[in-house]
Every structure is written in structure tokens, then in C-alpha cells.
Protein backbone atom coordinates (compact mmCIF):
# COMPACT_ATOMS: atom_id res chain seq x y z
CA MET A 1 73.50 32.63 6.42
CA ASN A 2 72.35 36.11 7.59
CA ASP A 3 69.94 37.96 5.36
CA PHE A 4 69.28 40.74 7.87
CA VAL A 5 71.27 43.37 9.69
CA ILE A 6 70.51 44.48 13.25
CA GLU A 7 70.91 48.25 13.60
CA THR A 8 70.58 50.72 16.46
CA GLY A 9 69.90 54.44 16.39
CA VAL A 10 67.48 54.32 13.43
CA PRO A 11 64.61 56.77 14.22
CA LEU A 12 61.10 55.42 14.09
CA PRO A 13 59.06 57.32 11.40
CA ASP A 14 55.65 58.76 12.16
CA ARG A 15 52.78 56.35 11.56
CA ARG A 16 50.78 59.01 9.78
CA PRO A 17 52.11 60.15 6.45
CA ASN A 18 50.24 63.48 6.72
CA GLY A 19 52.72 64.80 9.29
CA ILE A 20 50.40 65.37 12.21
CA MET A 21 52.98 64.17 14.70
CA ALA A 22 55.72 66.33 13.20
CA THR A 23 53.34 69.35 13.37
CA LEU A 24 52.45 68.59 16.99
CA ARG A 25 56.10 68.29 17.91
CA ALA A 26 56.68 71.73 16.36
CA LEU A 27 53.72 73.13 18.25
CA ASN A 28 55.09 71.62 21.45
CA ALA A 29 58.23 73.70 20.99
CA ALA A 30 56.25 76.89 20.21
CA PRO A 31 55.55 79.54 22.85
CA SER A 32 52.37 79.43 24.94
CA GLY A 33 49.35 80.79 23.12
CA SER A 34 50.37 79.31 19.73
CA SER A 35 47.90 77.22 17.78
CA VAL A 36 47.61 75.14 14.66
CA LEU A 37 44.55 74.28 12.52
CA PHE A 38 44.23 70.82 10.92
CA HIS A 39 41.92 71.59 7.99
CA GLY A 40 39.10 69.20 7.31
CA ARG A 41 39.78 66.92 10.29
CA LYS A 42 37.80 65.95 13.36
CA ASN A 43 39.21 65.55 16.85
CA THR A 44 39.44 61.76 16.65
CA GLY A 45 42.75 60.69 18.12
CA ILE A 46 44.49 64.08 17.92
CA SER A 47 44.15 64.67 21.69
CA SER A 48 45.89 61.42 22.50
CA GLN A 49 48.60 62.13 19.94
CA ILE A 50 49.27 65.45 21.66
CA ARG A 51 49.68 63.68 25.00
CA SER A 52 52.12 61.22 23.41
CA VAL A 53 54.35 64.09 22.18
CA ASP A 54 54.77 65.61 25.67
CA PRO A 55 52.34 64.57 28.44
CA ASP A 56 53.61 67.30 30.81
CA LYS A 57 52.47 70.24 28.63
CA TRP A 58 48.89 71.35 28.53
CA SER A 59 46.99 71.90 25.33
CA VAL A 60 43.40 72.46 24.25
CA THR A 61 41.82 70.86 21.18
CA ARG A 62 38.55 72.05 19.67
CA ASN A 63 36.54 71.16 16.61
CA THR A 64 35.89 74.22 14.42
CA PRO A 65 33.94 74.59 11.19
CA ASP A 66 37.24 74.39 9.26
CA GLY A 67 38.77 71.44 11.13
CA VAL A 68 40.53 70.89 14.43
CA ARG A 69 42.46 73.64 16.20
CA VAL A 70 45.09 72.82 18.85
CA TRP A 71 46.34 75.53 21.24
CA ARG A 72 49.53 75.28 23.23
CA LEU A 73 48.95 76.62 26.74
């Protein structure tokens, strides 16, 4: 009796429902000099998430009064 189905090709959803990873993927595809501001956030974990999107690309993350800004270099 099988009460499960094994599937392949099903994409893994982002862990964070707020879409940080989707935003970082979009920034990764943006031209150099682009940036994004995450309002009301601190730089806890965002730097490592950036490296997980594409470790070969350089970016800079800074805390600002409004939140965290990430620049694509």
C-alpha cells in the first residue's frame, strides 16, 4: 500500500516567506551598481544568503538607518 508519490523536478521553495531570496536572485541578474533596500531589517544572515545565490559575484551589504542595503558590484 503506497500512500506517497516520489516526484522529481519539483522546485524547492524559498525558506523565507518574505521573498528575500527571490529579491536577491533578481539583484544577482541586475547590472553592476544596482542595489536593493530591505526596509526595517538588520544584516543578520543576508550576507550569507547572497553568497548562496551566486558565490562568484561580489556584493556589498551595509546597515542603514532604514534597513539593509545590498549593492551588486
